[in-house]
Amino acid sequence: MAKTELLFLSEEDMLKAGVLNAAQCVDTMVEMFDLVGKGDYIMGGPDHNEHGLKLFFPKESPFPNMPLAGTDRRFMAMPAYLGGRFNVCGCKWYGSNVSNPKSSLPRSILTVTLNNPTTGEPLAFVSANLVSAMRTGAIPGVAAKYLARKNAKVCAAIGGGPVNRASIRCIVSQLPSLEEIVICDIKEEAAMNFKTYVETDLGLKCSIADLEEASRKSDVIVATVSAPKPIHIPDEWLKEGSLLILNNEVDLDESYLFSSRIVFDNAKMHKAYMADCHANPIGALAAYKNYIAGKVYTAIELGKLPSIDLQVSLGDIVSDPSRGRRSDDERIVVFTSGMPIEDVAWAYTVYEKAVAEGLGTKLALWEKPYWA
């Protein structure tokens, strides 16, 4: 019986294998969304569309070592299968605590395990902070590719963290017409660092602006803001033809939602969110407030917007580009919540390159299973 090995890929290995390659990451997400549009994927739960399984810590506990509920303290397992040329299972394991930076750690610490879908054998154990940031940033890249105006000149980044660095990197790879990036962040140092990153790494002009100026002047806006209270972007700040991409919750006026086109990363996953909210003891309408598209769910619940089953997804648009932008004046908002199939797709793609280049460390799970 052959021994079972897996490949350990550190962050350094992942960097050497091209984890920051924005154009390739966007292409990989396009390929993934095409499979989603065709249904060749499985995520968690009996409906195959669960985002993941999260540990909910108690507010208080008699056990002294048990973690308590805190701001962004979470552990989550996010399993998935992706078909097509990938044909691989994987699971993203997610640990996060907002106080981590005080210990010189990233807020979130992520890994991905890749497995043979037939035998279950592990193929790789991967450092995944950069995988997650790039796949998250690549979804706005896909949205920009299919939904931005072709002559888009200005793109705003609301929030100057790692995910928005990846988002802008990927959007720039898809929109050669861009001439300026606008950064809006309440922290002056973060804004300055982002400006330096854009001008040095991406070679584009970058200006710093407040939220209103950034929103009003931009053709494309990507918002990634972690805050106790969602930022508010009024309807009148968003111009005709603009594309608004939300990686985090943003408070939007109903008038904007009712007059703009709504696109989901995967409407079936958002339908699963709505079902989860209906099972929540606090009631669906209250539970919706905890979700990035909660205001849309509420409007659907109250009959103000069409059923979630009638909403368009990026997979629909990638599979049929005629369902993309319909006019230069159309305002579009894209809600992205992240899916484990994204992590699996990009981790597997980088893993393949690592194997081809002889990167990583092989680890033996066993030479021969003790109990076979």
Protein backbone atom coordinates (compact mmCIF):
# COMPACT_ATOMS: atom_id res chain seq x y z
CA MET A 1 0.00 0.00 0.00
CA ALA A 2 1.48 3.36 -1.11
CA LYS A 3 2.28 6.00 1.43
CA THR A 4 0.16 9.15 1.56
CA GLU A 5 1.90 12.50 1.25
CA LEU A 6 0.70 16.08 1.26
CA LEU A 7 2.47 19.28 0.27
CA PHE A 8 2.90 22.01 2.86
CA LEU A 9 3.03 25.47 1.28
CA SER A 10 4.15 28.35 3.48
CA GLU A 11 3.30 31.96 2.67
CA GLU A 12 6.78 32.33 1.15
CA ASP A 13 6.11 29.30 -1.07
CA MET A 14 2.75 30.75 -2.11
CA LEU A 15 4.38 34.06 -3.03
CA LYS A 16 6.96 32.26 -5.19
CA ALA A 17 4.14 30.33 -6.86
CA GLY A 18 2.31 33.53 -7.86
CA VAL A 19 -0.46 33.92 -5.29
CA LEU A 20 -0.46 37.72 -5.94
CA ASN A 21 -0.91 37.34 -9.71
CA ALA A 22 -4.04 39.48 -10.04
CA ALA A 23 -4.87 38.82 -13.69
CA GLN A 24 -4.55 35.05 -13.27
CA CYS A 25 -6.61 35.15 -10.08
CA VAL A 26 -9.41 37.02 -11.87
CA ASP A 27 -9.24 34.53 -14.76
CA THR A 28 -9.50 31.68 -12.23
CA MET A 29 -12.54 33.29 -10.59
CA VAL A 30 -14.16 33.72 -14.02
CA GLU A 31 -13.59 30.00 -14.61
CA MET A 32 -15.04 29.24 -11.19
CA PHE A 33 -18.13 31.42 -11.75
CA ASP A 34 -18.74 29.68 -15.08
CA LEU A 35 -18.83 26.37 -13.16
CA VAL A 36 -21.16 27.95 -10.58
CA GLY A 37 -23.45 29.10 -13.38
CA LYS A 38 -23.54 25.53 -14.67
CA GLY A 39 -24.00 24.04 -11.19
CA ASP A 40 -20.69 22.10 -11.12
CA TYR A 41 -19.89 22.83 -7.48
CA ILE A 42 -20.94 21.89 -3.95
CA MET A 43 -20.71 23.91 -0.77
CA GLY A 44 -21.87 22.91 2.71
CA GLY A 45 -25.36 21.92 3.81
CA PRO A 46 -28.06 19.86 2.12
CA ASP A 47 -28.79 22.69 -0.33
CA HIS A 48 -25.08 22.82 -1.35
CA ASN A 49 -24.92 26.59 -0.84
CA GLU A 50 -23.93 27.23 2.78
CA HIS A 51 -21.13 29.75 3.31
CA GLY A 52 -19.67 27.74 6.19
CA LEU A 53 -20.11 26.56 9.77
CA LYS A 54 -19.25 29.08 12.47
CA LEU A 55 -18.51 28.66 16.17
CA PHE A 56 -20.61 31.03 18.27
CA PHE A 57 -18.89 31.85 21.56
CA PRO A 58 -21.01 32.63 24.64
CA LYS A 59 -21.14 36.07 26.23
CA GLU A 60 -20.16 34.47 29.55
CA SER A 61 -19.04 31.04 30.69
CA PRO A 62 -18.26 29.19 33.95
CA PHE A 63 -15.24 27.66 32.20
CA PRO A 64 -12.21 29.94 32.64
CA ASN A 65 -10.44 28.90 29.41
CA MET A 66 -13.44 29.15 27.11
CA PRO A 67 -13.22 32.13 24.70
CA LEU A 68 -16.04 34.63 25.05
CA ALA A 69 -17.91 36.47 22.31
CA GLY A 70 -15.92 39.45 21.12
CA THR A 71 -15.65 41.82 18.20
CA ASP A 72 -14.90 39.66 15.17
CA ARG A 73 -13.78 36.71 17.29
CA ARG A 74 -14.73 33.77 15.15
CA PHE A 75 -13.75 30.35 13.95
CA MET A 76 -15.32 29.00 10.78
CA ALA A 77 -14.95 25.90 8.62
CA MET A 78 -15.80 26.44 4.95
CA PRO A 79 -15.86 23.18 2.93
CA ALA A 80 -16.44 22.93 -0.81
CA TYR A 81 -16.08 20.84 -3.94
CA LEU A 82 -15.32 22.46 -7.31
CA GLY A 83 -15.63 20.54 -10.57
CA GLY A 84 -14.34 21.24 -14.07
CA ARG A 85 -10.57 21.06 -14.46
CA PHE A 86 -10.22 21.58 -10.68
CA ASN A 87 -12.10 18.44 -9.55
CA VAL A 88 -10.98 18.94 -5.97
CA CYS A 89 -12.40 19.19 -2.47
CA GLY A 90 -11.11 21.65 0.06
CA CYS A 91 -11.79 23.39 3.32
CA LYS A 92 -10.84 26.87 4.44
CA TRP A 93 -10.29 27.13 8.20
CA TYR A 94 -10.77 30.62 9.50
CA GLY A 95 -9.70 32.08 12.84
CA SER A 96 -10.11 35.79 13.56
CA ASN A 97 -9.84 38.28 16.39
CA VAL A 98 -9.90 42.04 15.95
CA SER A 99 -7.32 42.46 18.74
CA ASN A 100 -4.71 40.31 16.96
CA PRO A 101 -2.77 43.31 15.55
CA LYS A 102 -1.88 44.28 19.13
CA SER A 103 0.16 41.05 19.16
CA SER A 104 1.66 41.78 15.71
CA LEU A 105 -0.66 39.22 14.11
CA PRO A 106 -3.10 39.64 11.20
CA ARG A 107 -6.72 40.04 12.26
CA SER A 108 -7.52 36.78 10.47
CA ILE A 109 -5.30 33.70 10.23
CA LEU A 110 -6.33 31.34 7.45
CA THR A 111 -5.39 27.95 6.03
CA VAL A 112 -6.78 25.80 3.23
CA THR A 113 -6.62 22.02 2.97
CA LEU A 114 -7.01 20.46 -0.49
CA ASN A 115 -8.20 16.86 -0.83
CA ASN A 116 -8.60 14.19 -3.48
CA PRO A 117 -12.40 14.12 -4.04
CA THR A 118 -12.45 10.32 -4.50
CA THR A 119 -10.17 8.97 -1.77
CA GLY A 120 -10.27 11.91 0.64
CA GLU A 121 -6.47 11.95 0.83
CA PRO A 122 -4.99 15.40 1.54
CA LEU A 123 -3.11 16.94 -1.36
CA ALA A 124 -1.88 20.10 0.32
CA PHE A 125 -2.00 22.22 3.46
CA VAL A 126 -1.71 25.84 2.40
CA SER A 127 -1.00 29.17 4.07
CA ALA A 128 -4.10 31.04 2.94
CA ASN A 129 -4.14 34.66 4.13
CA LEU A 130 -2.98 35.80 0.71
CA VAL A 131 -5.21 33.25 -1.02
CA SER A 132 -8.21 34.69 0.79
CA ALA A 133 -7.26 38.32 0.19
CA MET A 134 -6.62 37.74 -3.51
CA ARG A 135 -9.74 35.66 -4.14
CA THR A 136 -11.79 38.30 -2.31
CA GLY A 137 -10.19 41.03 -4.37
CA ALA A 138 -10.64 39.06 -7.58
CA ILE A 139 -14.43 39.05 -7.24
CA PRO A 140 -14.55 42.85 -7.67
CA GLY A 141 -12.18 42.23 -10.58
CA VAL A 142 -14.72 39.88 -12.16
CA ALA A 143 -17.53 42.36 -11.43
CA ALA A 144 -15.52 45.17 -13.04
CA LYS A 145 -14.73 43.02 -16.07
CA TYR A 146 -18.40 42.36 -16.82
CA LEU A 147 -20.26 45.27 -15.23
CA ALA A 148 -18.12 48.42 -15.26
CA ARG A 149 -18.50 51.01 -17.99
CA LYS A 150 -15.88 50.40 -20.64
CA ASN A 151 -14.49 53.93 -20.31
CA ALA A 152 -14.25 53.93 -16.50
CA LYS A 153 -11.61 56.46 -15.43
CA VAL A 154 -11.78 56.67 -11.62
CA CYS A 155 -12.04 53.88 -9.06
CA ALA A 156 -12.53 54.46 -5.33
CA ALA A 157 -11.31 52.18 -2.57
CA ILE A 158 -13.36 52.69 0.58
CA GLY A 159 -11.08 51.19 3.22
CA GLY A 160 -7.32 50.80 2.94
CA GLY A 161 -6.79 47.29 4.30
CA PRO A 162 -5.24 44.21 2.64
CA VAL A 163 -8.46 43.06 0.99
CA ASN A 164 -8.97 46.39 -0.75
CA ARG A 165 -5.35 46.37 -1.85
CA ALA A 166 -6.10 43.06 -3.55
CA SER A 167 -9.42 44.40 -4.88
CA ILE A 168 -7.80 47.42 -6.51
CA ARG A 169 -4.97 45.27 -7.84
CA CYS A 170 -7.51 42.98 -9.53
CA ILE A 171 -9.80 45.76 -10.79
CA VAL A 172 -6.83 47.56 -12.36
CA SER A 173 -5.89 44.32 -14.17
CA GLN A 174 -9.31 44.33 -15.87
CA LEU A 175 -9.88 48.05 -16.60
CA PRO A 176 -7.03 49.50 -18.68
CA SER A 177 -8.99 52.77 -19.02
CA LEU A 178 -8.50 53.63 -15.32
CA GLU A 179 -6.51 56.81 -14.74
CA GLU A 180 -6.92 57.41 -11.01
CA ILE A 181 -7.52 55.55 -7.77
CA VAL A 182 -9.15 57.39 -4.86
CA ILE A 183 -8.56 56.09 -1.34
CA CYS A 184 -10.91 56.86 1.55
CA ASP A 185 -9.94 55.69 5.03
CA ILE A 186 -10.60 57.29 8.41
CA LYS A 187 -7.00 56.54 9.41
CA GLU A 188 -4.59 58.98 7.77
CA GLU A 189 -1.65 56.57 7.98
CA ALA A 190 -3.64 53.78 6.28
CA ALA A 191 -4.67 56.16 3.50
CA MET A 192 -1.09 57.32 2.95
CA ASN A 193 0.21 53.74 2.89
CA PHE A 194 -2.48 52.78 0.38
CA LYS A 195 -1.60 55.78 -1.80
CA THR A 196 2.06 54.75 -1.81
CA TYR A 197 1.09 51.16 -2.67
CA VAL A 198 -1.03 52.24 -5.66
CA GLU A 199 1.56 54.66 -7.02
CA THR A 200 4.53 52.34 -6.45
CA ASP A 201 3.12 48.88 -7.16
CA LEU A 202 0.38 49.71 -9.68
CA GLY A 203 1.83 52.82 -11.31
CA LEU A 204 -1.38 54.83 -11.13
CA LYS A 205 -2.22 58.25 -9.74
CA CYS A 206 -3.82 58.01 -6.30
CA SER A 207 -5.57 60.73 -4.32
CA ILE A 208 -6.98 60.80 -0.79
CA ALA A 209 -10.58 61.93 -0.31
CA ASP A 210 -13.44 61.80 2.15
CA LEU A 211 -16.34 59.42 1.60
CA GLU A 212 -18.56 61.89 -0.27
CA GLU A 213 -15.88 63.06 -2.70
CA ALA A 214 -14.67 59.51 -3.33
CA SER A 215 -18.22 58.31 -4.02
CA ARG A 216 -19.30 61.22 -6.22
CA LYS A 217 -16.29 61.24 -8.55
CA SER A 218 -15.85 57.49 -9.10
CA ASP A 219 -17.06 55.21 -11.87
CA VAL A 220 -16.24 52.12 -9.80
CA ILE A 221 -16.34 51.93 -6.00
CA VAL A 222 -15.21 48.97 -3.93
CA ALA A 223 -16.02 49.10 -0.22
CA THR A 224 -14.24 46.91 2.34
CA VAL A 225 -14.74 48.46 5.74
CA SER A 226 -14.79 46.63 9.05
CA ALA A 227 -16.58 48.88 11.52
CA PRO A 228 -19.05 48.52 14.41
CA LYS A 229 -21.59 50.53 12.40
CA PRO A 230 -21.88 50.33 8.59
CA ILE A 231 -20.91 53.46 6.69
CA HIS A 232 -23.74 55.26 4.88
CA ILE A 233 -23.47 56.14 1.19
CA PRO A 234 -26.51 58.26 0.16
CA ASP A 235 -28.27 57.70 -3.15
CA GLU A 236 -27.30 61.12 -4.52
CA TRP A 237 -23.58 60.43 -4.11
CA LEU A 238 -23.66 57.56 -6.62
CA LYS A 239 -23.63 58.83 -10.18
CA GLU A 240 -25.21 57.40 -13.30
CA GLY A 241 -23.32 54.44 -14.72
CA SER A 242 -21.49 53.75 -11.46
CA LEU A 243 -20.60 50.27 -10.25
CA LEU A 244 -20.64 49.78 -6.47
CA ILE A 245 -19.01 46.56 -5.19
CA LEU A 246 -19.52 45.65 -1.54
CA ASN A 247 -17.16 43.31 0.28
CA ASN A 248 -18.65 44.43 3.61
CA GLU A 249 -21.96 45.82 4.75
CA VAL A 250 -22.74 49.39 3.67
CA ASP A 251 -25.89 51.30 4.56
CA LEU A 252 -27.61 52.18 1.28
CA ASP A 253 -30.80 54.19 0.74
CA GLU A 254 -33.85 52.24 -0.38
CA SER A 255 -34.22 54.72 -3.26
CA TYR A 256 -30.83 53.59 -4.54
CA LEU A 257 -31.66 49.88 -4.22
CA PHE A 258 -35.01 50.33 -5.98
CA SER A 259 -33.50 52.33 -8.87
CA SER A 260 -30.34 50.30 -9.40
CA ARG A 261 -29.57 46.82 -10.64
CA ILE A 262 -28.73 44.32 -7.92
CA VAL A 263 -26.22 41.53 -8.60
CA PHE A 264 -25.17 38.84 -6.11
CA ASP A 265 -22.01 36.77 -6.15
CA ASN A 266 -24.31 33.72 -5.75
CA ALA A 267 -28.02 34.32 -5.17
CA LYS A 268 -28.47 30.70 -4.06
CA MET A 269 -26.07 31.27 -1.16
CA HIS A 270 -27.99 34.41 -0.20
CA LYS A 271 -31.19 32.39 -0.33
CA ALA A 272 -29.56 30.02 2.18
CA TYR A 273 -28.72 33.05 4.35
CA MET A 274 -32.37 34.08 4.27
CA ALA A 275 -33.45 30.56 5.26
CA ASP A 276 -30.99 30.65 8.17
CA CYS A 277 -32.49 33.96 9.29
CA HIS A 278 -35.98 32.48 9.24
CA ALA A 279 -34.75 29.77 11.61
CA ASN A 280 -33.20 32.34 13.95
CA PRO A 281 -35.12 32.76 17.24
CA ILE A 282 -34.84 36.56 17.01
CA GLY A 283 -36.87 36.53 13.78
CA ALA A 284 -35.87 36.94 10.15
CA LEU A 285 -36.18 40.73 9.91
CA ALA A 286 -33.96 41.23 12.95
CA ALA A 287 -31.47 38.59 11.79
CA TYR A 288 -31.19 40.17 8.32
CA LYS A 289 -29.45 43.17 9.90
CA ASN A 290 -26.36 41.02 10.47
CA TYR A 291 -25.81 40.35 6.75
CA ILE A 292 -24.10 42.35 4.03
CA ALA A 293 -27.27 42.34 1.88
CA GLY A 294 -29.68 42.47 4.81
CA LYS A 295 -31.48 45.54 3.52
CA VAL A 296 -32.13 43.72 0.23
CA TYR A 297 -33.39 40.64 2.09
CA THR A 298 -35.78 42.86 4.05
CA ALA A 299 -37.09 44.52 0.89
CA ILE A 300 -37.64 41.09 -0.68
CA GLU A 301 -39.38 39.86 2.49
CA LEU A 302 -41.72 42.86 2.39
CA GLY A 303 -42.47 42.42 -1.31
CA LYS A 304 -40.66 45.59 -2.38
CA LEU A 305 -38.14 43.70 -4.53
CA PRO A 306 -38.48 40.51 -6.60
CA SER A 307 -37.90 37.12 -4.99
CA ILE A 308 -34.31 36.06 -4.37
CA ASP A 309 -34.90 33.27 -6.93
CA LEU A 310 -35.27 35.97 -9.60
CA GLN A 311 -32.08 37.85 -8.70
CA VAL A 312 -29.06 37.62 -11.00
CA SER A 313 -25.68 36.16 -9.94
CA LEU A 314 -22.17 36.70 -11.27
CA GLY A 315 -22.19 33.07 -12.42
CA ASP A 316 -25.20 33.82 -14.63
CA ILE A 317 -23.39 36.77 -16.17
CA VAL A 318 -20.09 34.96 -16.72
CA SER A 319 -21.94 32.05 -18.37
CA ASP A 320 -23.98 34.49 -20.47
CA PRO A 321 -22.24 37.91 -20.81
CA SER A 322 -25.34 39.34 -22.51
CA ARG A 323 -26.80 39.49 -19.00
CA GLY A 324 -24.11 42.00 -17.96
CA ARG A 325 -24.30 45.79 -18.09
CA ARG A 326 -27.31 46.91 -20.14
CA SER A 327 -26.52 50.62 -20.62
CA ASP A 328 -23.89 53.24 -19.79
CA ASP A 329 -26.37 54.96 -17.44
CA GLU A 330 -27.31 51.87 -15.43
CA ARG A 331 -26.21 51.94 -11.79
CA ILE A 332 -25.21 48.50 -10.49
CA VAL A 333 -24.51 47.26 -6.97
CA VAL A 334 -22.78 43.92 -6.39
CA PHE A 335 -23.07 42.10 -3.05
CA THR A 336 -20.22 39.67 -2.36
CA SER A 337 -20.08 37.51 0.76
CA GLY A 338 -17.25 35.18 -0.18
CA MET A 339 -17.53 31.49 -0.99
CA PRO A 340 -15.21 28.59 -0.11
CA ILE A 341 -15.16 27.53 -3.76
CA GLU A 342 -13.21 30.74 -4.41
CA ASP A 343 -10.53 29.73 -1.91
CA VAL A 344 -10.42 26.20 -3.30
CA ALA A 345 -10.13 27.44 -6.89
CA TRP A 346 -7.25 29.85 -6.24
CA ALA A 347 -5.44 27.65 -3.71
CA TYR A 348 -5.56 24.72 -6.15
CA THR A 349 -4.33 26.86 -9.05
CA VAL A 350 -1.37 28.14 -7.02
CA TYR A 351 -0.76 24.61 -5.68
CA GLU A 352 -0.48 23.28 -9.25
CA LYS A 353 2.16 25.90 -10.05
CA ALA A 354 4.02 25.11 -6.81
CA VAL A 355 4.13 21.42 -7.75
CA ALA A 356 5.38 22.27 -11.25
CA GLU A 357 8.15 24.45 -9.80
CA GLY A 358 9.13 22.05 -7.02
CA LEU A 359 8.09 24.38 -4.22
CA GLY A 360 6.89 23.44 -0.74
CA THR A 361 7.68 20.69 1.74
CA LYS A 362 6.37 17.17 1.36
CA LEU A 363 4.93 15.71 4.54
CA ALA A 364 4.10 12.04 5.00
CA LEU A 365 0.69 11.39 6.52
CA TRP A 366 1.84 7.77 6.84
CA GLU A 367 4.21 5.36 5.18
CA LYS A 368 1.53 2.70 5.59
CA PRO A 369 -1.77 3.19 7.50
CA TYR A 370 -1.59 1.47 10.86
CA TRP A 371 -5.23 0.34 10.59
CA ALA A 372 -6.01 -0.11 6.91
